[in-house]
Amino acid sequence: MEGTVSRVATRLVLEKYRPSNTVTICLPLFLAGGTEERAFATEHSTITVDGCEKLCAKIGTERHSGKVTSALVVTRLTGKTHQTPCSGRRWSDKDLNLSEKVAKQIAKEVDKILNSGGN
């Protein structure tokens, strides 16, 4: 569930909150050895958004491209884990509200980077 929230939140940032200032890279392609993705994460400020405490995105990014600028974790931002699994077919207002909350925090991190002169 938290992975879905992280993906929806990221999409909200890309399309609604900071469309002119953000891009996303494909984590599976990045981890599989995508050289363009790895180079991008090396050259630009990077925010990882993980669903849980395993920190797969953060660890993978730092292993292949260096330290991330910010690492967000859905379970830390929402203060809890979901009790029921979620899919696109069973998306509720509660799920969307969680995604909005996470998206707003991602947008704040984007603003910090932009205000510090980062890219």
N, C-alpha and C. Protein backbone atom coordinates (compact mmCIF):
# COMPACT_ATOMS: atom_id res chain seq x y z
N MET A 1 0.81 -1.19 0.00
CA MET A 1 0.00 0.00 0.00
C MET A 1 0.85 1.26 0.00
N GLU A 2 1.86 1.31 0.85
CA GLU A 2 2.67 2.51 0.95
C GLU A 2 3.44 2.78 -0.34
N GLY A 3 3.82 1.72 -1.04
CA GLY A 3 4.48 1.90 -2.34
C GLY A 3 3.55 2.58 -3.33
N THR A 4 2.28 2.21 -3.31
CA THR A 4 1.29 2.85 -4.19
C THR A 4 1.13 4.32 -3.80
N VAL A 5 1.06 4.59 -2.51
CA VAL A 5 0.95 5.98 -2.05
C VAL A 5 2.17 6.78 -2.52
N SER A 6 3.36 6.21 -2.43
CA SER A 6 4.56 6.93 -2.85
C SER A 6 4.53 7.22 -4.34
N ARG A 7 4.06 6.28 -5.15
CA ARG A 7 3.99 6.49 -6.59
C ARG A 7 2.95 7.54 -6.96
N VAL A 8 1.79 7.48 -6.31
CA VAL A 8 0.74 8.47 -6.59
C VAL A 8 1.19 9.86 -6.12
N ALA A 9 1.82 9.94 -4.96
CA ALA A 9 2.30 11.22 -4.44
C ALA A 9 3.33 11.83 -5.39
N THR A 10 4.23 11.01 -5.87
CA THR A 10 5.25 11.49 -6.80
C THR A 10 4.59 12.01 -8.06
N ARG A 11 3.61 11.30 -8.55
CA ARG A 11 2.88 11.74 -9.76
C ARG A 11 2.17 13.08 -9.51
N LEU A 12 1.59 13.25 -8.32
CA LEU A 12 0.94 14.51 -7.98
C LEU A 12 1.94 15.67 -8.01
N VAL A 13 3.14 15.43 -7.50
CA VAL A 13 4.16 16.48 -7.53
C VAL A 13 4.52 16.81 -8.97
N LEU A 14 4.70 15.80 -9.79
CA LEU A 14 5.08 16.00 -11.19
C LEU A 14 4.01 16.74 -11.98
N GLU A 15 2.75 16.46 -11.69
CA GLU A 15 1.66 17.01 -12.50
C GLU A 15 0.93 18.19 -11.87
N LYS A 16 0.90 18.28 -10.54
CA LYS A 16 0.08 19.28 -9.87
C LYS A 16 0.88 20.30 -9.07
N TYR A 17 1.80 19.85 -8.22
CA TYR A 17 2.46 20.75 -7.29
C TYR A 17 3.71 21.43 -7.83
N ARG A 18 4.58 20.72 -8.52
CA ARG A 18 5.81 21.31 -9.05
C ARG A 18 6.10 20.79 -10.46
N PRO A 19 5.17 20.97 -11.39
CA PRO A 19 5.34 20.37 -12.73
C PRO A 19 6.53 20.93 -13.51
N SER A 20 6.90 22.17 -13.26
CA SER A 20 8.00 22.77 -14.02
C SER A 20 9.36 22.52 -13.40
N ASN A 21 9.38 21.95 -12.20
CA ASN A 21 10.64 21.84 -11.48
C ASN A 21 11.04 20.42 -11.13
N THR A 22 10.29 19.43 -11.58
CA THR A 22 10.59 18.06 -11.17
C THR A 22 10.54 17.09 -12.34
N VAL A 23 11.29 16.02 -12.20
CA VAL A 23 11.25 14.88 -13.11
C VAL A 23 11.34 13.63 -12.25
N THR A 24 11.04 12.52 -12.83
CA THR A 24 11.20 11.26 -12.11
C THR A 24 12.01 10.31 -12.97
N ILE A 25 12.66 9.39 -12.33
CA ILE A 25 13.36 8.35 -13.07
C ILE A 25 12.75 7.00 -12.68
N CYS A 26 12.90 6.06 -13.55
CA CYS A 26 12.35 4.72 -13.34
C CYS A 26 13.31 3.93 -12.45
N LEU A 27 12.89 3.66 -11.21
CA LEU A 27 13.78 2.97 -10.27
C LEU A 27 14.20 1.59 -10.76
N PRO A 28 13.29 0.76 -11.28
CA PRO A 28 13.74 -0.55 -11.77
C PRO A 28 14.80 -0.44 -12.88
N LEU A 29 14.61 0.50 -13.80
CA LEU A 29 15.61 0.69 -14.85
C LEU A 29 16.91 1.21 -14.25
N PHE A 30 16.81 2.13 -13.33
CA PHE A 30 17.98 2.66 -12.63
C PHE A 30 18.76 1.54 -11.96
N LEU A 31 18.05 0.68 -11.22
CA LEU A 31 18.71 -0.41 -10.51
C LEU A 31 19.27 -1.47 -11.45
N ALA A 32 18.64 -1.62 -12.61
CA ALA A 32 19.10 -2.61 -13.58
C ALA A 32 20.32 -2.14 -14.36
N GLY A 33 20.72 -0.89 -14.17
CA GLY A 33 21.94 -0.42 -14.82
C GLY A 33 21.73 0.67 -15.84
N GLY A 34 20.57 1.34 -15.83
CA GLY A 34 20.32 2.42 -16.78
C GLY A 34 21.33 3.54 -16.60
N THR A 35 22.27 3.68 -17.52
CA THR A 35 23.35 4.64 -17.37
C THR A 35 22.86 6.08 -17.38
N GLU A 36 21.87 6.40 -18.20
CA GLU A 36 21.36 7.77 -18.24
C GLU A 36 20.68 8.14 -16.92
N GLU A 37 19.92 7.21 -16.36
CA GLU A 37 19.26 7.46 -15.09
C GLU A 37 20.28 7.64 -13.97
N ARG A 38 21.28 6.78 -13.96
CA ARG A 38 22.31 6.89 -12.92
C ARG A 38 23.10 8.18 -13.05
N ALA A 39 23.41 8.59 -14.26
CA ALA A 39 24.13 9.85 -14.47
C ALA A 39 23.27 11.03 -14.03
N PHE A 40 21.99 10.99 -14.34
CA PHE A 40 21.09 12.08 -13.95
C PHE A 40 21.07 12.24 -12.43
N ALA A 41 20.95 11.13 -11.71
CA ALA A 41 20.89 11.18 -10.25
C ALA A 41 22.23 11.61 -9.65
N THR A 42 23.32 11.42 -10.37
CA THR A 42 24.62 11.87 -9.91
C THR A 42 24.77 13.38 -10.07
N GLU A 43 24.21 13.92 -11.15
CA GLU A 43 24.40 15.32 -11.50
C GLU A 43 23.34 16.26 -10.93
N HIS A 44 22.21 15.74 -10.48
CA HIS A 44 21.12 16.58 -10.01
C HIS A 44 20.71 16.21 -8.59
N SER A 45 20.18 17.19 -7.88
CA SER A 45 19.65 16.93 -6.54
C SER A 45 18.56 15.88 -6.66
N THR A 46 18.60 14.92 -5.74
CA THR A 46 17.68 13.78 -5.83
C THR A 46 16.94 13.58 -4.52
N ILE A 47 15.63 13.41 -4.66
CA ILE A 47 14.76 13.08 -3.52
C ILE A 47 14.25 11.67 -3.76
N THR A 48 14.47 10.80 -2.80
CA THR A 48 13.88 9.46 -2.92
C THR A 48 12.62 9.41 -2.06
N VAL A 49 11.66 8.63 -2.53
CA VAL A 49 10.40 8.46 -1.81
C VAL A 49 10.17 6.96 -1.68
N ASP A 50 10.38 6.46 -0.47
CA ASP A 50 10.20 5.04 -0.19
C ASP A 50 8.88 4.82 0.54
N GLY A 51 8.27 3.70 0.27
CA GLY A 51 7.03 3.36 0.95
C GLY A 51 7.25 2.91 2.38
N CYS A 52 8.38 2.23 2.62
CA CYS A 52 8.60 1.65 3.96
C CYS A 52 10.04 1.84 4.41
N GLU A 53 10.32 1.33 5.58
CA GLU A 53 11.62 1.49 6.22
C GLU A 53 12.75 0.69 5.56
N LYS A 54 12.44 -0.12 4.57
CA LYS A 54 13.51 -0.86 3.89
C LYS A 54 14.39 0.08 3.06
N LEU A 55 13.86 1.23 2.68
CA LEU A 55 14.61 2.28 1.98
C LEU A 55 15.24 1.80 0.67
N CYS A 56 14.52 1.01 -0.09
CA CYS A 56 15.06 0.48 -1.34
C CYS A 56 15.50 1.57 -2.31
N ALA A 57 14.68 2.61 -2.46
CA ALA A 57 15.03 3.69 -3.39
C ALA A 57 16.27 4.45 -2.91
N LYS A 58 16.31 4.78 -1.65
CA LYS A 58 17.45 5.52 -1.10
C LYS A 58 18.73 4.71 -1.19
N ILE A 59 18.68 3.48 -0.74
CA ILE A 59 19.88 2.64 -0.74
C ILE A 59 20.37 2.40 -2.17
N GLY A 60 19.44 2.08 -3.06
CA GLY A 60 19.83 1.83 -4.46
C GLY A 60 20.41 3.06 -5.11
N THR A 61 19.80 4.21 -4.87
CA THR A 61 20.29 5.46 -5.46
C THR A 61 21.68 5.79 -4.93
N GLU A 62 21.86 5.67 -3.63
CA GLU A 62 23.17 6.00 -3.06
C GLU A 62 24.24 4.99 -3.47
N ARG A 63 23.86 3.77 -3.68
CA ARG A 63 24.82 2.76 -4.11
C ARG A 63 25.33 3.05 -5.53
N HIS A 64 24.46 3.55 -6.39
CA HIS A 64 24.82 3.70 -7.80
C HIS A 64 25.10 5.14 -8.24
N SER A 65 24.68 6.13 -7.45
CA SER A 65 24.83 7.51 -7.90
C SER A 65 25.31 8.48 -6.83
N GLY A 66 25.45 8.05 -5.61
CA GLY A 66 25.91 8.95 -4.56
C GLY A 66 24.79 9.39 -3.64
N LYS A 67 25.15 10.17 -2.66
CA LYS A 67 24.22 10.59 -1.60
C LYS A 67 23.02 11.34 -2.18
N VAL A 68 21.84 11.01 -1.66
CA VAL A 68 20.63 11.73 -2.07
C VAL A 68 20.50 13.02 -1.28
N THR A 69 19.78 13.97 -1.83
CA THR A 69 19.57 15.25 -1.15
C THR A 69 18.56 15.09 -0.02
N SER A 70 17.53 14.30 -0.27
CA SER A 70 16.48 14.10 0.73
C SER A 70 15.90 12.70 0.53
N ALA A 71 15.58 12.04 1.64
CA ALA A 71 14.99 10.70 1.58
C ALA A 71 13.72 10.69 2.43
N LEU A 72 12.59 10.56 1.76
CA LEU A 72 11.30 10.54 2.45
C LEU A 72 10.78 9.11 2.53
N VAL A 73 10.06 8.84 3.61
CA VAL A 73 9.48 7.50 3.81
C VAL A 73 8.00 7.68 4.15
N VAL A 74 7.14 7.07 3.38
CA VAL A 74 5.70 7.23 3.56
C VAL A 74 5.27 6.90 4.98
N THR A 75 5.75 5.80 5.54
CA THR A 75 5.31 5.41 6.88
C THR A 75 5.72 6.43 7.93
N ARG A 76 6.83 7.12 7.72
CA ARG A 76 7.25 8.18 8.65
C ARG A 76 6.37 9.42 8.50
N LEU A 77 6.02 9.75 7.26
CA LEU A 77 5.23 10.95 7.00
C LEU A 77 3.78 10.80 7.44
N THR A 78 3.25 9.60 7.32
CA THR A 78 1.84 9.39 7.66
C THR A 78 1.67 8.91 9.08
N GLY A 79 2.75 8.44 9.70
CA GLY A 79 2.68 8.00 11.08
C GLY A 79 2.11 6.61 11.28
N LYS A 80 1.85 5.91 10.20
CA LYS A 80 1.30 4.55 10.34
C LYS A 80 1.41 3.81 9.03
N THR A 81 1.19 2.53 9.10
CA THR A 81 1.11 1.72 7.89
C THR A 81 -0.35 1.40 7.64
N HIS A 82 -0.66 1.17 6.39
CA HIS A 82 -2.03 0.80 6.03
C HIS A 82 -2.33 -0.62 6.49
N GLN A 83 -3.52 -0.84 6.88
CA GLN A 83 -3.92 -2.17 7.32
C GLN A 83 -4.47 -3.03 6.18
N THR A 84 -4.88 -2.38 5.10
CA THR A 84 -5.44 -3.13 3.98
C THR A 84 -4.67 -2.81 2.72
N PRO A 85 -4.49 -3.80 1.86
CA PRO A 85 -3.80 -3.54 0.61
C PRO A 85 -4.64 -2.66 -0.30
N CYS A 86 -3.99 -2.00 -1.18
CA CYS A 86 -4.68 -1.08 -2.07
C CYS A 86 -4.23 -1.33 -3.49
N SER A 87 -5.11 -1.15 -4.41
CA SER A 87 -4.77 -1.20 -5.82
C SER A 87 -5.54 -0.08 -6.50
N GLY A 88 -5.26 0.16 -7.76
CA GLY A 88 -5.97 1.18 -8.49
C GLY A 88 -7.46 0.92 -8.53
N ARG A 89 -7.84 -0.30 -8.39
CA ARG A 89 -9.27 -0.66 -8.43
C ARG A 89 -9.96 -0.40 -7.10
N ARG A 90 -9.22 -0.34 -6.02
CA ARG A 90 -9.82 -0.16 -4.69
C ARG A 90 -9.30 1.10 -4.03
N TRP A 91 -9.10 2.16 -4.77
CA TRP A 91 -8.55 3.40 -4.27
C TRP A 91 -9.64 4.18 -3.56
N SER A 92 -9.38 4.64 -2.35
CA SER A 92 -10.38 5.35 -1.56
C SER A 92 -9.96 6.80 -1.36
N ASP A 93 -10.88 7.60 -0.83
CA ASP A 93 -10.56 8.99 -0.49
C ASP A 93 -9.44 9.04 0.55
N LYS A 94 -9.45 8.09 1.48
CA LYS A 94 -8.39 8.02 2.50
C LYS A 94 -7.02 7.82 1.84
N ASP A 95 -6.96 6.94 0.85
CA ASP A 95 -5.71 6.69 0.14
C ASP A 95 -5.25 7.95 -0.60
N LEU A 96 -6.18 8.63 -1.25
CA LEU A 96 -5.83 9.85 -1.97
C LEU A 96 -5.36 10.93 -0.99
N ASN A 97 -6.00 11.03 0.16
CA ASN A 97 -5.58 12.01 1.16
C ASN A 97 -4.16 11.73 1.65
N LEU A 98 -3.83 10.46 1.85
CA LEU A 98 -2.47 10.10 2.25
C LEU A 98 -1.47 10.50 1.15
N SER A 99 -1.84 10.24 -0.08
CA SER A 99 -0.96 10.59 -1.20
C SER A 99 -0.77 12.09 -1.30
N GLU A 100 -1.84 12.85 -1.08
CA GLU A 100 -1.74 14.31 -1.10
C GLU A 100 -0.81 14.80 0.01
N LYS A 101 -0.93 14.22 1.19
CA LYS A 101 -0.07 14.60 2.32
C LYS A 101 1.40 14.36 1.98
N VAL A 102 1.69 13.21 1.42
CA VAL A 102 3.07 12.89 1.04
C VAL A 102 3.53 13.81 -0.09
N ALA A 103 2.67 14.07 -1.06
CA ALA A 103 3.02 14.95 -2.19
C ALA A 103 3.39 16.35 -1.70
N LYS A 104 2.64 16.85 -0.74
CA LYS A 104 2.93 18.18 -0.20
C LYS A 104 4.30 18.21 0.49
N GLN A 105 4.66 17.13 1.15
CA GLN A 105 5.98 17.07 1.78
C GLN A 105 7.08 16.98 0.73
N ILE A 106 6.85 16.23 -0.32
CA ILE A 106 7.83 16.17 -1.41
C ILE A 106 8.01 17.57 -2.00
N ALA A 107 6.91 18.27 -2.22
CA ALA A 107 6.97 19.63 -2.77
C ALA A 107 7.78 20.56 -1.87
N LYS A 108 7.65 20.41 -0.55
CA LYS A 108 8.45 21.21 0.38
C LYS A 108 9.93 20.92 0.20
N GLU A 109 10.26 19.64 0.01
CA GLU A 109 11.67 19.28 -0.20
C GLU A 109 12.19 19.85 -1.51
N VAL A 110 11.36 19.85 -2.55
CA VAL A 110 11.73 20.46 -3.83
C VAL A 110 12.02 21.95 -3.61
N ASP A 111 11.15 22.62 -2.88
CA ASP A 111 11.33 24.04 -2.62
C ASP A 111 12.63 24.31 -1.87
N LYS A 112 12.97 23.46 -0.91
CA LYS A 112 14.24 23.63 -0.18
C LYS A 112 15.42 23.58 -1.15
N ILE A 113 15.37 22.62 -2.05
CA ILE A 113 16.45 22.47 -3.03
C ILE A 113 16.52 23.71 -3.91
N LEU A 114 15.38 24.15 -4.43
CA LEU A 114 15.35 25.31 -5.30
C LEU A 114 15.81 26.57 -4.59
N ASN A 115 15.39 26.73 -3.34
CA ASN A 115 15.76 27.92 -2.57
C ASN A 115 17.24 27.94 -2.20
N SER A 116 17.86 26.76 -2.18
CA SER A 116 19.29 26.69 -1.86
C SER A 116 20.16 26.81 -3.10
N GLY A 117 19.52 26.97 -4.25
CA GLY A 117 20.26 27.09 -5.50
C GLY A 117 20.59 25.77 -6.15
N GLY A 118 20.04 24.68 -5.63
CA GLY A 118 20.27 23.36 -6.22
C GLY A 118 19.47 23.17 -7.49
N ASN A 119 19.78 22.06 -8.16
CA ASN A 119 19.04 21.77 -9.40
C ASN A 119 18.31 20.46 -9.28
